[in-house]
């Protein structure tokens, strides 16, 4: 398995590989690229490209010093998390059509928010999309009742979710646009599969820190859904609906990272640890809770140093590559 700390042979140190363009990633899915990319996917791609540019600029400027390494590593991890969420959502729109409206709403707010947070830390802030993000989060807040019910019942479209993580597998030719009154009454399969993922054996090979972070994310997810359910009666000083929507987006990103890694699709253990650390901190902040106590192991600094040496932040495997490796094992 390729590690984020190992240089990739196709990426010379003089031009370090950071995140991948979504256009290139969807090249892994020929069935999805027979025509122009959908507008929402194009928007995600443009945000990711802006984050990629900022990270490259920071690396070329020599920002991997003792003072800036932690911030650079965390920023890179947030960009990787945004990319993981984008990859999962892009396929989910085709193979989880009943959830497409929710997924597009969540990721369309999530990606620019994570990119803005990452690029601000790199002193190359991306242009904010405040008004649009607020509208999207308002729409997500209206769907809280279905999301709470789906999470409590662990309702998961297992077949659809399995297809969503099979990069390169055939996809339907089009995405059926949801009707104006459509609501994802089944919720969000990736998020609702989190308890099963954390409680199973899929993360055994991820290491103790990832397993601990995943458990902490699940605890925070339980608290998030409790607050979503009690939103109309929350006391003053509690997170607002839009803050809870932003927290839900963060949980989706963490779930995407874990789901793609567990499927063998997303590669890079150093990236995974750092992404989960960053997302857990973000989730606690949005819930107005004290920051979590994290292992002092300097994952962020090591990720920054690895990227500065020309390593790949995050690698994706196609379904055929995953199957070939499983057969060889």
C-alpha atoms as a PDB file:
ATOM      1  CA  UNK A   1       0.000   0.000   0.000  1.00  0.00           C
ATOM      2  CA  UNK A   2       1.307   3.406  -0.981  1.00  0.00           C
ATOM      3  CA  UNK A   3       1.940   5.682   1.980  1.00  0.00           C
ATOM      4  CA  UNK A   4       1.501   9.428   1.929  1.00  0.00           C
ATOM      5  CA  UNK A   5       5.038   9.576   3.242  1.00  0.00           C
ATOM      6  CA  UNK A   6       6.463   7.804   0.197  1.00  0.00           C
ATOM      7  CA  UNK A   7       7.217   9.741  -3.006  1.00  0.00           C
ATOM      8  CA  UNK A   8       5.222   8.552  -5.996  1.00  0.00           C
ATOM      9  CA  UNK A   9       7.426   7.687  -8.977  1.00  0.00           C
ATOM     10  CA  UNK A  10       5.305   9.813 -11.328  1.00  0.00           C
ATOM     11  CA  UNK A  11       5.676  12.901  -9.180  1.00  0.00           C
ATOM     12  CA  UNK A  12       9.170  14.461  -9.221  1.00  0.00           C
ATOM     13  CA  UNK A  13      10.084  16.594  -6.209  1.00  0.00           C
ATOM     14  CA  UNK A  14      10.311  19.661  -8.445  1.00  0.00           C
ATOM     15  CA  UNK A  15       6.559  19.487  -9.090  1.00  0.00           C
ATOM     16  CA  UNK A  16       4.967  17.934  -5.999  1.00  0.00           C
ATOM     17  CA  UNK A  17       1.675  16.167  -6.410  1.00  0.00           C
ATOM     18  CA  UNK A  18      -0.934  17.388  -3.948  1.00  0.00           C
ATOM     19  CA  UNK A  19      -4.630  16.904  -4.640  1.00  0.00           C
ATOM     20  CA  UNK A  20      -5.961  15.650  -7.961  1.00  0.00           C
ATOM     21  CA  UNK A  21      -8.228  17.552 -10.319  1.00  0.00           C
ATOM     22  CA  UNK A  22     -11.726  16.124 -10.123  1.00  0.00           C
ATOM     23  CA  UNK A  23     -11.765  16.002 -13.910  1.00  0.00           C
ATOM     24  CA  UNK A  24      -8.842  13.588 -13.783  1.00  0.00           C
ATOM     25  CA  UNK A  25     -10.427  11.572 -10.972  1.00  0.00           C
ATOM     26  CA  UNK A  26     -13.637  11.109 -12.914  1.00  0.00           C
ATOM     27  CA  UNK A  27     -11.484   9.792 -15.723  1.00  0.00           C
ATOM     28  CA  UNK A  28     -11.458   6.656 -13.562  1.00  0.00           C
ATOM     29  CA  UNK A  29     -15.186   6.437 -14.333  1.00  0.00           C
ATOM     30  CA  UNK A  30     -15.566   6.415 -18.132  1.00  0.00           C
ATOM     31  CA  UNK A  31     -19.331   5.980 -17.836  1.00  0.00           C
ATOM     32  CA  UNK A  32     -19.535   9.265 -15.941  1.00  0.00           C
ATOM     33  CA  UNK A  33     -17.551  11.294 -18.416  1.00  0.00           C
ATOM     34  CA  UNK A  34     -19.346  10.664 -21.677  1.00  0.00           C
ATOM     35  CA  UNK A  35     -20.463  14.287 -21.695  1.00  0.00           C
ATOM     36  CA  UNK A  36     -19.836  17.558 -19.864  1.00  0.00           C
ATOM     37  CA  UNK A  37     -19.456  17.314 -16.104  1.00  0.00           C
ATOM     38  CA  UNK A  38     -22.632  18.294 -14.239  1.00  0.00           C
ATOM     39  CA  UNK A  39     -22.538  21.898 -13.045  1.00  0.00           C
ATOM     40  CA  UNK A  40     -22.339  20.992  -9.365  1.00  0.00           C
ATOM     41  CA  UNK A  41     -19.394  18.662  -9.987  1.00  0.00           C
ATOM     42  CA  UNK A  42     -17.672  21.351 -12.024  1.00  0.00           C
ATOM     43  CA  UNK A  43     -18.057  23.714  -9.072  1.00  0.00           C
ATOM     44  CA  UNK A  44     -16.497  21.187  -6.703  1.00  0.00           C
ATOM     45  CA  UNK A  45     -13.641  20.702  -9.120  1.00  0.00           C
ATOM     46  CA  UNK A  46     -12.985  24.435  -9.399  1.00  0.00           C
ATOM     47  CA  UNK A  47     -12.848  24.741  -5.598  1.00  0.00           C
ATOM     48  CA  UNK A  48     -10.454  21.811  -5.325  1.00  0.00           C
ATOM     49  CA  UNK A  49      -8.254  23.252  -8.057  1.00  0.00           C
ATOM     50  CA  UNK A  50      -8.055  26.533  -6.117  1.00  0.00           C
ATOM     51  CA  UNK A  51      -7.023  24.633  -2.995  1.00  0.00           C
ATOM     52  CA  UNK A  52      -4.504  22.599  -4.964  1.00  0.00           C
ATOM     53  CA  UNK A  53      -2.972  25.787  -6.354  1.00  0.00           C
ATOM     54  CA  UNK A  54      -2.676  27.354  -2.888  1.00  0.00           C
ATOM     55  CA  UNK A  55      -1.013  24.234  -1.498  1.00  0.00           C
ATOM     56  CA  UNK A  56       1.454  24.088  -4.380  1.00  0.00           C
ATOM     57  CA  UNK A  57       2.284  27.755  -3.881  1.00  0.00           C
ATOM     58  CA  UNK A  58       2.908  27.173  -0.172  1.00  0.00           C
ATOM     59  CA  UNK A  59       5.140  24.193  -0.891  1.00  0.00           C
ATOM     60  CA  UNK A  60       7.133  26.018  -3.552  1.00  0.00           C
ATOM     61  CA  UNK A  61       7.533  28.986  -1.215  1.00  0.00           C
ATOM     62  CA  UNK A  62       9.228  26.746   1.322  1.00  0.00           C
ATOM     63  CA  UNK A  63       6.464  26.947   3.919  1.00  0.00           C
ATOM     64  CA  UNK A  64       7.437  23.601   5.414  1.00  0.00           C
ATOM     65  CA  UNK A  65       9.393  25.080   8.294  1.00  0.00           C
ATOM     66  CA  UNK A  66       9.134  24.295  11.970  1.00  0.00           C
ATOM     67  CA  UNK A  67       6.570  27.048  12.545  1.00  0.00           C
ATOM     68  CA  UNK A  68       4.368  26.402   9.530  1.00  0.00           C
ATOM     69  CA  UNK A  69       4.546  22.643   9.100  1.00  0.00           C
ATOM     70  CA  UNK A  70       1.609  21.881  11.403  1.00  0.00           C
ATOM     71  CA  UNK A  71      -0.677  24.409   9.694  1.00  0.00           C
ATOM     72  CA  UNK A  72       0.398  23.265   6.233  1.00  0.00           C
ATOM     73  CA  UNK A  73      -0.170  19.606   7.077  1.00  0.00           C
ATOM     74  CA  UNK A  74      -3.607  20.336   8.513  1.00  0.00           C
ATOM     75  CA  UNK A  75      -4.534  22.427   5.472  1.00  0.00           C
ATOM     76  CA  UNK A  76      -3.443  19.621   3.159  1.00  0.00           C
ATOM     77  CA  UNK A  77      -5.484  17.132   5.161  1.00  0.00           C
ATOM     78  CA  UNK A  78      -8.606  19.300   4.844  1.00  0.00           C
ATOM     79  CA  UNK A  79      -8.095  19.487   1.082  1.00  0.00           C
ATOM     80  CA  UNK A  80      -7.706  15.716   0.941  1.00  0.00           C
ATOM     81  CA  UNK A  81     -10.915  15.307   2.945  1.00  0.00           C
ATOM     82  CA  UNK A  82     -12.728  17.620   0.519  1.00  0.00           C
ATOM     83  CA  UNK A  83     -11.451  15.520  -2.355  1.00  0.00           C
ATOM     84  CA  UNK A  84     -12.567  12.271  -0.722  1.00  0.00           C
ATOM     85  CA  UNK A  85     -16.043  13.700  -0.112  1.00  0.00           C
ATOM     86  CA  UNK A  86     -16.188  14.854  -3.724  1.00  0.00           C
ATOM     87  CA  UNK A  87     -15.211  11.463  -5.133  1.00  0.00           C
ATOM     88  CA  UNK A  88     -17.794   9.646  -3.004  1.00  0.00           C
ATOM     89  CA  UNK A  89     -20.517  12.189  -3.764  1.00  0.00           C
ATOM     90  CA  UNK A  90     -19.831  12.243  -7.506  1.00  0.00           C
ATOM     91  CA  UNK A  91     -20.511   8.509  -7.759  1.00  0.00           C
ATOM     92  CA  UNK A  92     -23.262   8.523  -5.127  1.00  0.00           C
ATOM     93  CA  UNK A  93     -25.299  10.909  -7.261  1.00  0.00           C
ATOM     94  CA  UNK A  94     -25.579   8.092  -9.826  1.00  0.00           C
ATOM     95  CA  UNK A  95     -25.914   4.985  -7.659  1.00  0.00           C
ATOM     96  CA  UNK A  96     -27.799   6.431  -4.660  1.00  0.00           C
ATOM     97  CA  UNK A  97     -30.358   8.515  -6.591  1.00  0.00           C
ATOM     98  CA  UNK A  98     -32.866   8.698  -3.725  1.00  0.00           C
ATOM     99  CA  UNK A  99     -30.203  10.512  -1.712  1.00  0.00           C
ATOM    100  CA  UNK A 100     -28.855  12.677  -4.537  1.00  0.00           C
ATOM    101  CA  UNK A 101     -30.628  15.856  -3.449  1.00  0.00           C
ATOM    102  CA  UNK A 102     -29.147  15.631   0.041  1.00  0.00           C
ATOM    103  CA  UNK A 103     -25.677  14.645  -1.158  1.00  0.00           C
ATOM    104  CA  UNK A 104     -25.455  17.528  -3.614  1.00  0.00           C
ATOM    105  CA  UNK A 105     -26.625  19.968  -0.934  1.00  0.00           C
ATOM    106  CA  UNK A 106     -24.099  18.720   1.631  1.00  0.00           C
ATOM    107  CA  UNK A 107     -21.064  18.561  -0.635  1.00  0.00           C
ATOM    108  CA  UNK A 108     -21.814  21.812  -2.467  1.00  0.00           C
ATOM    109  CA  UNK A 109     -21.524  23.605   0.875  1.00  0.00           C
ATOM    110  CA  UNK A 110     -18.768  21.417   2.307  1.00  0.00           C
ATOM    111  CA  UNK A 111     -16.146  21.616  -0.437  1.00  0.00           C
ATOM    112  CA  UNK A 112     -15.818  25.420  -0.677  1.00  0.00           C
ATOM    113  CA  UNK A 113     -15.934  25.670   3.127  1.00  0.00           C
ATOM    114  CA  UNK A 114     -13.063  23.205   3.616  1.00  0.00           C
ATOM    115  CA  UNK A 115     -11.084  24.793   0.783  1.00  0.00           C
ATOM    116  CA  UNK A 116     -11.609  28.267   2.261  1.00  0.00           C
ATOM    117  CA  UNK A 117     -10.452  27.093   5.692  1.00  0.00           C
ATOM    118  CA  UNK A 118      -7.400  25.351   4.239  1.00  0.00           C
ATOM    119  CA  UNK A 119      -6.353  28.184   1.940  1.00  0.00           C
ATOM    120  CA  UNK A 120      -6.774  30.774   4.681  1.00  0.00           C
ATOM    121  CA  UNK A 121      -4.298  28.810   6.777  1.00  0.00           C
ATOM    122  CA  UNK A 122      -1.926  28.890   3.788  1.00  0.00           C
ATOM    123  CA  UNK A 123      -2.275  32.690   3.417  1.00  0.00           C
ATOM    124  CA  UNK A 124      -3.864  32.201  -0.015  1.00  0.00           C
ATOM    125  CA  UNK A 125      -7.556  32.548   0.923  1.00  0.00           C
ATOM    126  CA  UNK A 126     -10.055  31.395  -1.687  1.00  0.00           C
ATOM    127  CA  UNK A 127     -12.989  33.647  -2.497  1.00  0.00           C
ATOM    128  CA  UNK A 128     -15.804  32.888  -0.010  1.00  0.00           C
ATOM    129  CA  UNK A 129     -19.245  31.737  -1.153  1.00  0.00           C
ATOM    130  CA  UNK A 130     -21.056  32.861   1.959  1.00  0.00           C
ATOM    131  CA  UNK A 131     -24.544  33.560   0.665  1.00  0.00           C
ATOM    132  CA  UNK A 132     -24.759  30.359  -1.381  1.00  0.00           C
ATOM    133  CA  UNK A 133     -23.357  28.259   1.445  1.00  0.00           C
ATOM    134  CA  UNK A 134     -25.868  29.747   3.875  1.00  0.00           C
ATOM    135  CA  UNK A 135     -28.740  28.901   1.508  1.00  0.00           C
ATOM    136  CA  UNK A 136     -27.520  25.338   1.159  1.00  0.00           C
ATOM    137  CA  UNK A 137     -27.210  24.929   4.907  1.00  0.00           C
ATOM    138  CA  UNK A 138     -30.691  26.328   5.392  1.00  0.00           C
ATOM    139  CA  UNK A 139     -31.996  23.688   2.992  1.00  0.00           C
ATOM    140  CA  UNK A 140     -30.100  20.974   4.857  1.00  0.00           C
ATOM    141  CA  UNK A 141     -31.541  22.104   8.189  1.00  0.00           C
ATOM    142  CA  UNK A 142     -35.039  21.492   6.824  1.00  0.00           C
ATOM    143  CA  UNK A 143     -34.075  17.855   6.237  1.00  0.00           C
ATOM    144  CA  UNK A 144     -32.877  17.181   9.789  1.00  0.00           C
ATOM    145  CA  UNK A 145     -35.919  15.048  10.781  1.00  0.00           C
ATOM    146  CA  UNK A 146     -35.211  12.490   8.042  1.00  0.00           C
ATOM    147  CA  UNK A 147     -31.504  12.491   8.775  1.00  0.00           C
ATOM    148  CA  UNK A 148     -32.048  11.939  12.497  1.00  0.00           C
ATOM    149  CA  UNK A 149     -34.434   9.064  11.830  1.00  0.00           C
ATOM    150  CA  UNK A 150     -32.102   7.473   9.285  1.00  0.00           C
ATOM    151  CA  UNK A 151     -29.093   7.692  11.601  1.00  0.00           C
ATOM    152  CA  UNK A 152     -31.001   6.254  14.575  1.00  0.00           C
ATOM    153  CA  UNK A 153     -32.231   3.307  12.521  1.00  0.00           C
ATOM    154  CA  UNK A 154     -28.902   2.891  10.687  1.00  0.00           C
ATOM    155  CA  UNK A 155     -30.808   2.803   7.408  1.00  0.00           C
ATOM    156  CA  UNK A 156     -28.270   2.107   4.666  1.00  0.00           C
ATOM    157  CA  UNK A 157     -28.622   1.327   0.976  1.00  0.00           C
ATOM    158  CA  UNK A 158     -25.826  -1.211   1.140  1.00  0.00           C
ATOM    159  CA  UNK A 159     -25.824  -2.093  -2.545  1.00  0.00           C
ATOM    160  CA  UNK A 160     -25.766   1.547  -3.617  1.00  0.00           C
ATOM    161  CA  UNK A 161     -23.021   2.444  -1.160  1.00  0.00           C
ATOM    162  CA  UNK A 162     -20.908  -0.494  -2.337  1.00  0.00           C
ATOM    163  CA  UNK A 163     -21.224   0.783  -5.910  1.00  0.00           C
ATOM    164  CA  UNK A 164     -20.374   4.330  -4.839  1.00  0.00           C
ATOM    165  CA  UNK A 165     -16.899   3.280  -3.692  1.00  0.00           C
ATOM    166  CA  UNK A 166     -16.124   1.145  -6.770  1.00  0.00           C
ATOM    167  CA  UNK A 167     -14.158   3.691  -8.767  1.00  0.00           C
ATOM    168  CA  UNK A 168     -14.052   2.781 -12.424  1.00  0.00           C
ATOM    169  CA  UNK A 169     -17.152   0.573 -12.282  1.00  0.00           C
ATOM    170  CA  UNK A 170     -19.912   1.355 -14.826  1.00  0.00           C
ATOM    171  CA  UNK A 171     -22.392   4.064 -13.893  1.00  0.00           C
ATOM    172  CA  UNK A 172     -25.820   4.992 -15.234  1.00  0.00           C
ATOM    173  CA  UNK A 173     -25.637   7.395 -18.157  1.00  0.00           C
ATOM    174  CA  UNK A 174     -27.528  10.148 -16.351  1.00  0.00           C
ATOM    175  CA  UNK A 175     -28.500  11.302 -12.903  1.00  0.00           C
ATOM    176  CA  UNK A 176     -32.236  11.604 -12.396  1.00  0.00           C
ATOM    177  CA  UNK A 177     -32.902  15.115 -11.154  1.00  0.00           C
ATOM    178  CA  UNK A 178     -34.917  15.078  -7.910  1.00  0.00           C
ATOM    179  CA  UNK A 179     -38.339  16.707  -7.992  1.00  0.00           C
ATOM    180  CA  UNK A 180     -38.968  20.065  -6.308  1.00  0.00           C
ATOM    181  CA  UNK A 181     -40.542  18.382  -3.269  1.00  0.00           C
ATOM    182  CA  UNK A 182     -38.063  15.508  -3.047  1.00  0.00           C
ATOM    183  CA  UNK A 183     -36.719  14.676   0.390  1.00  0.00           C
ATOM    184  CA  UNK A 184     -34.157  11.967   1.217  1.00  0.00           C
ATOM    185  CA  UNK A 185     -36.460  10.074   3.561  1.00  0.00           C
ATOM    186  CA  UNK A 186     -33.876   7.335   3.796  1.00  0.00           C
ATOM    187  CA  UNK A 187     -31.296   9.866   4.950  1.00  0.00           C
ATOM    188  CA  UNK A 188     -27.638   9.568   3.951  1.00  0.00           C
ATOM    189  CA  UNK A 189     -26.237   6.056   3.577  1.00  0.00           C
ATOM    190  CA  UNK A 190     -22.524   6.924   4.062  1.00  0.00           C
ATOM    191  CA  UNK A 191     -23.157   8.727   7.364  1.00  0.00           C
ATOM    192  CA  UNK A 192     -25.712   6.174   8.542  1.00  0.00           C
ATOM    193  CA  UNK A 193     -23.256   3.365   7.866  1.00  0.00           C
ATOM    194  CA  UNK A 194     -20.713   4.905  10.249  1.00  0.00           C
ATOM    195  CA  UNK A 195     -21.797   2.961  13.384  1.00  0.00           C
ATOM    196  CA  UNK A 196     -21.510  -0.299  11.474  1.00  0.00           C
ATOM    197  CA  UNK A 197     -18.148   0.685  10.016  1.00  0.00           C
ATOM    198  CA  UNK A 198     -16.695   1.708  13.377  1.00  0.00           C
ATOM    199  CA  UNK A 199     -18.084  -1.376  15.103  1.00  0.00           C
ATOM    200  CA  UNK A 200     -16.856  -3.828  12.473  1.00  0.00           C
ATOM    201  CA  UNK A 201     -13.490  -5.150  11.411  1.00  0.00           C
ATOM    202  CA  UNK A 202     -12.978  -2.987   8.290  1.00  0.00           C
ATOM    203  CA  UNK A 203     -10.753  -0.547  10.189  1.00  0.00           C
ATOM    204  CA  UNK A 204      -8.621  -3.161  11.964  1.00  0.00           C
ATOM    205  CA  UNK A 205      -5.714  -2.591   9.595  1.00  0.00           C
ATOM    206  CA  UNK A 206      -5.913   1.207   9.888  1.00  0.00           C
ATOM    207  CA  UNK A 207      -4.008   1.331  13.160  1.00  0.00           C
ATOM    208  CA  UNK A 208      -4.873   2.275  16.722  1.00  0.00           C
ATOM    209  CA  UNK A 209      -5.006   6.043  16.167  1.00  0.00           C
ATOM    210  CA  UNK A 210      -7.425   5.830  13.233  1.00  0.00           C
ATOM    211  CA  UNK A 211      -9.652   3.431  15.167  1.00  0.00           C
ATOM    212  CA  UNK A 212      -9.634   5.787  18.159  1.00  0.00           C
ATOM    213  CA  UNK A 213     -10.405   8.794  15.954  1.00  0.00           C
ATOM    214  CA  UNK A 214     -13.226   6.907  14.244  1.00  0.00           C
ATOM    215  CA  UNK A 215     -14.785   6.076  17.613  1.00  0.00           C
ATOM    216  CA  UNK A 216     -14.495   9.719  18.690  1.00  0.00           C
ATOM    217  CA  UNK A 217     -16.126  10.828  15.438  1.00  0.00           C
ATOM    218  CA  UNK A 218     -18.999   8.427  16.060  1.00  0.00           C
ATOM    219  CA  UNK A 219     -19.490   9.812  19.578  1.00  0.00           C
ATOM    220  CA  UNK A 220     -19.521  13.337  18.164  1.00  0.00           C
ATOM    221  CA  UNK A 221     -21.911  12.172  15.448  1.00  0.00           C
ATOM    222  CA  UNK A 222     -24.295  10.821  18.068  1.00  0.00           C
ATOM    223  CA  UNK A 223     -24.222  14.173  19.865  1.00  0.00           C
ATOM    224  CA  UNK A 224     -24.708  16.035  16.592  1.00  0.00           C
ATOM    225  CA  UNK A 225     -27.829  14.056  15.730  1.00  0.00           C
ATOM    226  CA  UNK A 226     -29.191  14.530  19.253  1.00  0.00           C
ATOM    227  CA  UNK A 227     -28.884  18.285  18.805  1.00  0.00           C
ATOM    228  CA  UNK A 228     -30.362  18.113  15.325  1.00  0.00           C
ATOM    229  CA  UNK A 229     -33.384  16.354  16.801  1.00  0.00           C
ATOM    230  CA  UNK A 230     -33.742  18.946  19.566  1.00  0.00           C
ATOM    231  CA  UNK A 231     -33.024  22.007  17.448  1.00  0.00           C
ATOM    232  CA  UNK A 232     -36.378  23.784  18.041  1.00  0.00           C
ATOM    233  CA  UNK A 233     -35.891  23.526  21.824  1.00  0.00           C
ATOM    234  CA  UNK A 234     -32.152  24.127  22.057  1.00  0.00           C
ATOM    235  CA  UNK A 235     -31.317  26.733  24.729  1.00  0.00           C
ATOM    236  CA  UNK A 236     -29.641  30.037  23.974  1.00  0.00           C
ATOM    237  CA  UNK A 237     -25.937  29.632  23.356  1.00  0.00           C
ATOM    238  CA  UNK A 238     -26.322  26.324  21.559  1.00  0.00           C
ATOM    239  CA  UNK A 239     -25.296  25.836  17.924  1.00  0.00           C
ATOM    240  CA  UNK A 240     -27.740  27.211  15.374  1.00  0.00           C
ATOM    241  CA  UNK A 241     -29.274  25.135  12.625  1.00  0.00           C
ATOM    242  CA  UNK A 242     -26.676  26.314  10.115  1.00  0.00           C
ATOM    243  CA  UNK A 243     -23.819  25.476  12.499  1.00  0.00           C
ATOM    244  CA  UNK A 244     -25.295  22.014  12.915  1.00  0.00           C
ATOM    245  CA  UNK A 245     -25.584  21.730   9.137  1.00  0.00           C
ATOM    246  CA  UNK A 246     -21.893  22.611   8.837  1.00  0.00           C
ATOM    247  CA  UNK A 247     -21.148  19.980  11.475  1.00  0.00           C
ATOM    248  CA  UNK A 248     -23.115  17.413   9.472  1.00  0.00           C
ATOM    249  CA  UNK A 249     -21.080  18.281   6.386  1.00  0.00           C
ATOM    250  CA  UNK A 250     -17.929  17.697   8.426  1.00  0.00           C
ATOM    251  CA  UNK A 251     -19.200  14.306   9.564  1.00  0.00           C
ATOM    252  CA  UNK A 252     -19.931  13.425   5.931  1.00  0.00           C
ATOM    253  CA  UNK A 253     -16.345  14.281   4.990  1.00  0.00           C
ATOM    254  CA  UNK A 254     -14.965  12.102   7.786  1.00  0.00           C
ATOM    255  CA  UNK A 255     -17.262   9.276   6.761  1.00  0.00           C
ATOM    256  CA  UNK A 256     -16.126   9.601   3.145  1.00  0.00           C
ATOM    257  CA  UNK A 257     -12.485   9.314   4.221  1.00  0.00           C
ATOM    258  CA  UNK A 258     -13.141   6.218   6.307  1.00  0.00           C
ATOM    259  CA  UNK A 259     -15.460   4.570   3.782  1.00  0.00           C
ATOM    260  CA  UNK A 260     -13.105   4.987   0.838  1.00  0.00           C
ATOM    261  CA  UNK A 261     -10.141   3.808   2.910  1.00  0.00           C
ATOM    262  CA  UNK A 262     -12.031   0.750   4.222  1.00  0.00           C
ATOM    263  CA  UNK A 263     -12.965  -0.147   0.638  1.00  0.00           C
ATOM    264  CA  UNK A 264      -9.307  -0.027  -0.396  1.00  0.00           C
ATOM    265  CA  UNK A 265     -10.060   2.828  -2.784  1.00  0.00           C
ATOM    266  CA  UNK A 266      -8.361   5.722  -0.972  1.00  0.00           C
ATOM    267  CA  UNK A 267      -4.724   5.144  -0.116  1.00  0.00           C
ATOM    268  CA  UNK A 268      -2.468   7.005   2.299  1.00  0.00           C
ATOM    269  CA  UNK A 269      -2.466   6.182   6.019  1.00  0.00           C
ATOM    270  CA  UNK A 270      -0.673   9.408   6.992  1.00  0.00           C
ATOM    271  CA  UNK A 271      -3.241  11.478   5.103  1.00  0.00           C
ATOM    272  CA  UNK A 272      -6.086   9.490   6.703  1.00  0.00           C
ATOM    273  CA  UNK A 273      -4.895  10.091  10.260  1.00  0.00           C
ATOM    274  CA  UNK A 274      -4.336  13.782   9.661  1.00  0.00           C
ATOM    275  CA  UNK A 275      -7.663  14.265   7.896  1.00  0.00           C
ATOM    276  CA  UNK A 276      -9.594  12.606  10.708  1.00  0.00           C
ATOM    277  CA  UNK A 277      -7.752  14.708  13.296  1.00  0.00           C
ATOM    278  CA  UNK A 278      -8.598  17.925  11.453  1.00  0.00           C
ATOM    279  CA  UNK A 279     -12.235  16.972  10.924  1.00  0.00           C
ATOM    280  CA  UNK A 280     -12.715  15.901  14.542  1.00  0.00           C
ATOM    281  CA  UNK A 281     -11.388  19.264  15.743  1.00  0.00           C
ATOM    282  CA  UNK A 282     -13.671  21.049  13.273  1.00  0.00           C
ATOM    283  CA  UNK A 283     -16.675  19.032  14.386  1.00  0.00           C
ATOM    284  CA  UNK A 284     -16.089  19.854  18.051  1.00  0.00           C
ATOM    285  CA  UNK A 285     -15.677  23.534  17.196  1.00  0.00           C
ATOM    286  CA  UNK A 286     -18.981  23.644  15.313  1.00  0.00           C
ATOM    287  CA  UNK A 287     -20.722  21.923  18.224  1.00  0.00           C
ATOM    288  CA  UNK A 288     -19.260  24.602  20.527  1.00  0.00           C
ATOM    289  CA  UNK A 289     -17.441  21.940  22.526  1.00  0.00           C
ATOM    290  CA  UNK A 290     -13.885  21.962  23.910  1.00  0.00           C
ATOM    291  CA  UNK A 291     -11.317  20.665  21.443  1.00  0.00           C
ATOM    292  CA  UNK A 292     -10.670  16.931  21.634  1.00  0.00           C
ATOM    293  CA  UNK A 293      -7.515  15.611  23.260  1.00  0.00           C
ATOM    294  CA  UNK A 294      -5.442  14.180  20.425  1.00  0.00           C
ATOM    295  CA  UNK A 295      -2.382  11.989  20.381  1.00  0.00           C
ATOM    296  CA  UNK A 296       0.641  14.337  20.260  1.00  0.00           C
ATOM    297  CA  UNK A 297       2.142  12.258  17.431  1.00  0.00           C
ATOM    298  CA  UNK A 298       3.113  14.910  14.859  1.00  0.00           C
ATOM    299  CA  UNK A 299       1.086  13.580  11.917  1.00  0.00           C
ATOM    300  CA  UNK A 300       0.529  17.057  10.483  1.00  0.00           C
ATOM    301  CA  UNK A 301       4.227  17.907  10.493  1.00  0.00           C
ATOM    302  CA  UNK A 302       5.141  14.587   8.889  1.00  0.00           C
ATOM    303  CA  UNK A 303       2.526  15.062   6.177  1.00  0.00           C
ATOM    304  CA  UNK A 304       3.862  18.554   5.405  1.00  0.00           C
ATOM    305  CA  UNK A 305       7.426  17.233   5.194  1.00  0.00           C
ATOM    306  CA  UNK A 306       6.339  14.352   2.953  1.00  0.00           C
ATOM    307  CA  UNK A 307       4.524  16.711   0.582  1.00  0.00           C
ATOM    308  CA  UNK A 308       7.523  19.007   0.507  1.00  0.00           C
ATOM    309  CA  UNK A 309       9.601  16.015  -0.610  1.00  0.00           C
ATOM    310  CA  UNK A 310       7.218  15.378  -3.510  1.00  0.00           C
ATOM    311  CA  UNK A 311       4.976  12.694  -1.993  1.00  0.00           C
ATOM    312  CA  UNK A 312       1.401  12.219  -3.112  1.00  0.00           C
ATOM    313  CA  UNK A 313      -1.231  13.405  -0.685  1.00  0.00           C
ATOM    314  CA  UNK A 314      -3.921  10.927  -1.615  1.00  0.00           C
ATOM    315  CA  UNK A 315      -4.103   8.096  -4.134  1.00  0.00           C
ATOM    316  CA  UNK A 316      -7.240   6.459  -5.512  1.00  0.00           C
ATOM    317  CA  UNK A 317      -7.482   2.919  -6.864  1.00  0.00           C
ATOM    318  CA  UNK A 318     -10.035   1.685  -9.368  1.00  0.00           C
ATOM    319  CA  UNK A 319     -12.332  -1.242  -8.625  1.00  0.00           C
ATOM    320  CA  UNK A 320     -10.203  -3.462 -10.876  1.00  0.00           C
ATOM    321  CA  UNK A 321      -7.030  -2.521  -8.975  1.00  0.00           C
ATOM    322  CA  UNK A 322      -8.689  -3.238  -5.630  1.00  0.00           C
ATOM    323  CA  UNK A 323      -9.872  -6.649  -6.895  1.00  0.00           C
ATOM    324  CA  UNK A 324      -6.455  -7.501  -8.327  1.00  0.00           C
ATOM    325  CA  UNK A 325      -4.748  -6.717  -5.022  1.00  0.00           C
ATOM    326  CA  UNK A 326      -7.323  -8.783  -3.116  1.00  0.00           C
ATOM    327  CA  UNK A 327      -6.779 -11.741  -5.448  1.00  0.00           C
ATOM    328  CA  UNK A 328      -3.008 -11.462  -5.066  1.00  0.00           C
ATOM    329  CA  UNK A 329      -3.336 -11.451  -1.285  1.00  0.00           C
END
